Structure formats: C-alpha cells, structure tokens
C-alpha cells in the first residue's frame, strides 16, 4: 500500500509540504514568546496542513477499495473464532413463515457428541425463532441438523482446534412448500449475552498481558511497518 501511495500521489508536492510544515513547527518553538508571530505561524500551519490533506486525498481514495476488500477478507478469518471446549452458546433457527411455529410444528436440533444440547427448544413465535443452549464438548468440525420432520437443513459448526474462518449464518431458499422450513431459514450461532452482537465469540489476541481485537492490532502493525519501510521504498507520506 505504501508503494502504491507513492505511485499515485504527487510526491514532490508532499515533500515540499512536509518540509514547510516542519519549518513552521520549528518556528513555533523559536517564537513562542511573540504572540503576534506565534499566531501567524499557527495560521501557516493550518494552511499547509490543509494542503497536505489535499495532496493525500486522491491516493487515499485509490487505496480505499483494495483496503476494504482486504479487511473484509481478513475479518472472515480473524473476526471470530471457533467455540472453545466447555463454552456455552445459543443456536437460533429463524423461520421465514410465522405460521410455521403457530401451527405447532416441532422443530428439532440434532448434533454429534462434539456439541452437547443442554436445553429443550424454546419457541418465540413473535420473533419466529426456535432457540437451544448448547455447549462445546470436544474439538471438531461437524454439522448441526435442524428438522421439522419433513426436511432437514445443516449448518457447519467449529469447536476448538486451530484458528480458521467460521461462518455464523446458513441461509437457504425454496426448501419445499410442504415443509415448516420452507422459504428462507437462517441458523445463527450467537453468544448468550444480550449485549453482544457476535455470532461466534469475537477473536481477541493476547498482547503484553492484554487481549486486543485483531483489527486494532492489524492497524497498529500496518502503520508501524508502513512508516518503517517508506524510506526504503522512497515514498513520502
């Protein structure tokens, strides 16, 4: 990204602007006792800062698209983590048709031994949802199976093991007109805490004794490496 920034930006103008800003900042320290000169320098700093932003705006817009695509792809792999062994979570099945629950159709959940189903199904007709509390029992990659007695829909679930991309939602269409699962069904794996919107638990990386979100760590390291290599690449930022 630093290399691309150098190719699409006006490097001479940025170098001149940075040099002028550095000179104005030095003057600010030299003339701090003369208020008239001091405020004049403050004005010049504002002017040259706006010029610097103008020269940086276009390359930033160019870099925005690939950066967003990279962040989206990384978030698929590092935004969430698999459930840990012994960790509780909720499995929610959301039905498209309100009549599916009101009609008394039994929606069942089946899981292998890797995932222990700890509660009976809780039916919430107003939200068109059926929920179960489950707990990770052993590491593995396996399929949950939701059935209404006529049709079964599966959802891949991960418990323990190495870090990998995990999907929280399974959406299907046209499952069959004679089934309670007809239309569109979404199986969501959510944390039980009502404050959390994470479907799988969010991935926090331990750094210096604290747990840091992957995106914060990624941005900090990106800035550090960018400034470390800009001189080697001959790029003014």
Protein backbone atom coordinates (compact mmCIF):
# COMPACT_ATOMS: atom_id res chain seq x y z
CA UNK A 1 0.00 0.00 0.00
CA UNK A 2 2.89 2.36 0.72
CA UNK A 3 4.36 1.60 -2.69
CA UNK A 4 1.00 2.25 -4.40
CA UNK A 5 0.64 5.50 -2.42
CA UNK A 6 3.96 6.65 -3.84
CA UNK A 7 2.92 5.84 -7.42
CA UNK A 8 -0.46 7.60 -7.37
CA UNK A 9 0.43 10.67 -5.27
CA UNK A 10 2.28 13.90 -6.07
CA UNK A 11 5.46 13.06 -4.21
CA UNK A 12 7.23 16.36 -4.92
CA UNK A 13 4.31 18.39 -3.60
CA UNK A 14 4.02 16.21 -0.50
CA UNK A 15 7.75 16.50 0.16
CA UNK A 16 7.58 20.30 -0.18
CA UNK A 17 4.54 20.47 2.09
CA UNK A 18 6.12 18.27 4.75
CA UNK A 19 9.27 20.39 4.65
CA UNK A 20 7.27 23.59 5.08
CA UNK A 21 5.28 22.10 7.96
CA UNK A 22 8.50 21.05 9.69
CA UNK A 23 9.89 24.58 9.28
CA UNK A 24 6.71 26.14 10.70
CA UNK A 25 6.79 23.80 13.70
CA UNK A 26 10.41 24.78 14.41
CA UNK A 27 9.46 28.44 14.11
CA UNK A 28 6.60 27.84 16.54
CA UNK A 29 9.09 26.85 19.23
CA UNK A 30 11.51 29.67 18.41
CA UNK A 31 8.91 32.46 18.52
CA UNK A 32 6.65 31.18 21.31
CA UNK A 33 7.17 34.43 23.29
CA UNK A 34 6.00 36.72 20.47
CA UNK A 35 2.21 36.30 20.35
CA UNK A 36 1.75 38.10 17.01
CA UNK A 37 4.32 35.92 15.27
CA UNK A 38 3.13 32.85 17.18
CA UNK A 39 -0.45 33.14 15.94
CA UNK A 40 0.76 33.90 12.42
CA UNK A 41 2.74 30.67 12.44
CA UNK A 42 -0.33 28.82 13.72
CA UNK A 43 -2.26 30.11 10.71
CA UNK A 44 0.50 28.95 8.34
CA UNK A 45 0.50 25.51 9.95
CA UNK A 46 -3.25 25.27 9.33
CA UNK A 47 -2.84 26.34 5.69
CA UNK A 48 -0.07 23.85 4.97
CA UNK A 49 -1.87 21.07 6.81
CA UNK A 50 -4.88 21.57 4.55
CA UNK A 51 -2.59 21.47 1.52
CA UNK A 52 -1.08 18.22 2.76
CA UNK A 53 -4.57 16.73 3.17
CA UNK A 54 -5.44 17.84 -0.36
CA UNK A 55 -2.41 16.08 -1.81
CA UNK A 56 -3.15 12.94 0.24
CA UNK A 57 -6.87 12.75 -0.52
CA UNK A 58 -6.67 11.23 -4.01
CA UNK A 59 -4.18 8.42 -3.14
CA UNK A 60 -6.24 7.63 -0.04
CA UNK A 61 -9.35 7.24 -2.19
CA UNK A 62 -7.42 4.97 -4.57
CA UNK A 63 -6.25 2.80 -1.68
CA UNK A 64 -9.67 2.67 -0.03
CA UNK A 65 -11.15 -0.04 -2.29
CA UNK A 66 -8.34 -2.64 -2.01
CA UNK A 67 -8.00 -1.89 1.72
CA UNK A 68 -11.70 -2.53 2.32
CA UNK A 69 -11.55 -5.79 0.33
CA UNK A 70 -8.54 -6.93 2.35
CA UNK A 71 -10.21 -6.04 5.67
CA UNK A 72 -13.41 -7.88 4.70
CA UNK A 73 -11.44 -10.99 3.79
CA UNK A 74 -9.35 -10.84 6.96
CA UNK A 75 -12.44 -10.34 9.11
CA UNK A 76 -13.90 -13.57 7.71
CA UNK A 77 -10.89 -15.41 9.16
CA UNK A 78 -9.98 -13.36 12.24
CA UNK A 79 -13.17 -11.54 13.26
CA UNK A 80 -14.50 -14.56 15.13
CA UNK A 81 -13.10 -17.79 16.50
CA UNK A 82 -14.48 -21.30 16.95
CA UNK A 83 -16.22 -22.14 20.21
CA UNK A 84 -13.93 -23.34 22.98
CA UNK A 85 -14.43 -26.68 24.65
CA UNK A 86 -16.81 -26.11 27.57
CA UNK A 87 -18.06 -22.76 26.23
CA UNK A 88 -21.81 -22.13 26.03
CA UNK A 89 -23.62 -20.51 23.16
CA UNK A 90 -27.06 -20.27 21.60
CA UNK A 91 -28.22 -21.82 18.37
CA UNK A 92 -31.10 -19.89 16.83
CA UNK A 93 -33.26 -21.02 13.95
CA UNK A 94 -35.20 -18.17 12.39
CA UNK A 95 -38.12 -19.10 10.13
CA UNK A 96 -39.46 -17.00 7.33
CA UNK A 97 -43.10 -18.03 7.72
CA UNK A 98 -44.79 -17.00 11.03
CA UNK A 99 -47.34 -19.82 10.65
CA UNK A 100 -44.58 -22.43 10.93
CA UNK A 101 -44.42 -22.05 14.72
CA UNK A 102 -48.01 -21.05 15.30
CA UNK A 103 -49.12 -24.30 13.65
CA UNK A 104 -47.43 -26.38 16.32
CA UNK A 105 -44.82 -27.90 14.03
CA UNK A 106 -41.96 -29.43 16.03
CA UNK A 107 -38.53 -28.09 15.05
CA UNK A 108 -35.74 -30.34 16.31
CA UNK A 109 -31.97 -29.93 16.56
CA UNK A 110 -29.53 -32.80 16.20
CA UNK A 111 -25.81 -32.58 16.95
CA UNK A 112 -22.94 -35.06 17.29
CA UNK A 113 -21.10 -35.65 20.55
CA UNK A 114 -18.82 -32.66 19.92
CA UNK A 115 -21.69 -30.34 20.86
CA UNK A 116 -23.96 -31.02 23.83
CA UNK A 117 -27.54 -29.75 23.59
CA UNK A 118 -28.36 -28.60 27.14
CA UNK A 119 -31.93 -27.32 26.84
CA UNK A 120 -35.18 -28.15 25.14
CA UNK A 121 -36.24 -25.98 22.23
CA UNK A 122 -37.52 -22.53 23.23
CA UNK A 123 -40.11 -21.25 20.76
CA UNK A 124 -40.52 -17.49 20.32
CA UNK A 125 -43.44 -17.04 17.96
CA UNK A 126 -43.23 -13.22 17.84
CA UNK A 127 -39.65 -13.44 16.52
CA UNK A 128 -40.28 -16.64 14.51
CA UNK A 129 -37.33 -18.24 16.30
CA UNK A 130 -36.52 -21.54 17.95
CA UNK A 131 -33.51 -21.49 20.30
CA UNK A 132 -31.33 -24.04 22.09
CA UNK A 133 -28.47 -23.60 24.54
CA UNK A 134 -25.52 -25.77 23.61
CA UNK A 135 -22.00 -26.36 24.93
CA UNK A 136 -18.82 -27.36 23.14
CA UNK A 137 -17.85 -30.81 24.39
CA UNK A 138 -14.90 -31.80 22.18
CA UNK A 139 -12.88 -30.25 19.33
CA UNK A 140 -14.13 -30.91 15.85
CA UNK A 141 -15.82 -29.70 12.70
CA UNK A 142 -19.30 -31.09 12.25
CA UNK A 143 -22.82 -30.39 11.04
CA UNK A 144 -25.80 -29.33 13.11
CA UNK A 145 -29.04 -30.64 11.67
CA UNK A 146 -32.37 -28.83 12.02
CA UNK A 147 -35.50 -30.70 11.02
CA UNK A 148 -39.27 -30.26 11.02
CA UNK A 149 -39.92 -33.93 10.40
CA UNK A 150 -40.10 -33.49 6.64
CA UNK A 151 -36.96 -31.60 5.72
CA UNK A 152 -33.53 -31.23 7.33
CA UNK A 153 -31.14 -28.30 6.99
CA UNK A 154 -27.50 -28.50 8.10
CA UNK A 155 -25.09 -25.86 9.43
CA UNK A 156 -21.35 -26.34 9.77
CA UNK A 157 -20.05 -25.61 13.30
CA UNK A 158 -16.49 -25.47 14.67
CA UNK A 159 -15.45 -26.27 18.25
CA UNK A 160 -11.86 -25.82 19.39
CA UNK A 161 -8.90 -26.55 17.18
CA UNK A 162 -6.84 -24.11 15.09
CA UNK A 163 -7.87 -20.60 14.15
CA UNK A 164 -9.94 -20.59 10.99
CA UNK A 165 -12.70 -18.73 9.23
CA UNK A 166 -16.07 -19.55 10.78
CA UNK A 167 -19.50 -18.87 9.33
CA UNK A 168 -22.35 -17.94 11.65
CA UNK A 169 -25.25 -17.98 9.21
CA UNK A 170 -26.72 -20.59 6.92
CA UNK A 171 -29.40 -19.24 4.63
CA UNK A 172 -31.46 -21.36 2.29
CA UNK A 173 -34.24 -20.69 -0.18
CA UNK A 174 -37.01 -22.90 -1.58
CA UNK A 175 -36.61 -25.73 0.90
CA UNK A 176 -40.01 -27.14 -0.11
CA UNK A 177 -43.54 -25.85 0.08
CA UNK A 178 -44.74 -28.71 2.29
CA UNK A 179 -42.21 -28.09 5.00
CA UNK A 180 -42.18 -25.78 8.02
CA UNK A 181 -38.69 -24.85 6.87
CA UNK A 182 -39.95 -23.65 3.50
CA UNK A 183 -38.85 -20.32 2.11
CA UNK A 184 -35.81 -18.91 3.88
CA UNK A 185 -34.22 -20.20 7.07
CA UNK A 186 -31.24 -18.78 8.88
CA UNK A 187 -29.34 -20.69 11.53
CA UNK A 188 -27.42 -18.31 13.76
CA UNK A 189 -24.86 -19.16 16.41
CA UNK A 190 -24.98 -16.34 18.97
CA UNK A 191 -23.44 -15.58 22.31
CA UNK A 192 -25.98 -15.80 25.13
CA UNK A 193 -25.20 -12.27 26.38
CA UNK A 194 -27.85 -9.83 25.06
CA UNK A 195 -25.21 -7.10 24.83
CA UNK A 196 -23.10 -8.96 22.36
CA UNK A 197 -23.91 -8.98 18.67
CA UNK A 198 -21.21 -11.53 17.89
CA UNK A 199 -22.45 -14.77 16.40
CA UNK A 200 -19.30 -16.66 17.16
CA UNK A 201 -17.19 -15.28 20.01
CA UNK A 202 -15.01 -12.38 18.86
CA UNK A 203 -11.33 -13.19 18.46
CA UNK A 204 -9.07 -11.31 20.89
CA UNK A 205 -5.30 -11.72 20.54
CA UNK A 206 -3.15 -11.62 23.73
CA UNK A 207 -0.59 -8.78 23.57
CA UNK A 208 1.54 -7.79 26.59
CA UNK A 209 -0.90 -9.33 29.02
CA UNK A 210 -3.98 -7.74 27.45
CA UNK A 211 -6.45 -9.06 24.90
CA UNK A 212 -6.64 -6.89 21.79
CA UNK A 213 -9.11 -7.08 18.92
CA UNK A 214 -7.44 -8.29 15.73
CA UNK A 215 -8.40 -5.14 13.81
CA UNK A 216 -6.68 -2.83 16.33
CA UNK A 217 -3.53 -4.95 16.17
CA UNK A 218 -3.67 -5.08 12.36
CA UNK A 219 -3.98 -1.28 12.03
CA UNK A 220 -1.19 -0.59 14.55
CA UNK A 221 1.20 -3.04 12.86
CA UNK A 222 0.25 -1.76 9.39
CA UNK A 223 1.07 1.83 10.38
CA UNK A 224 4.32 0.75 12.04
CA UNK A 225 5.52 -1.28 9.04
CA UNK A 226 4.33 1.40 6.63
CA UNK A 227 6.43 4.10 8.27
CA UNK A 228 9.35 1.68 8.73
CA UNK A 229 9.53 0.85 5.01
CA UNK A 230 8.58 4.19 3.44
CA UNK A 231 12.23 5.28 3.39
CA UNK A 232 13.33 2.01 1.79
CA UNK A 233 10.63 2.44 -0.89
CA UNK A 234 11.47 6.12 -1.36
CA UNK A 235 7.92 7.25 -0.56
CA UNK A 236 6.87 10.46 1.15
CA UNK A 237 3.81 10.01 3.37
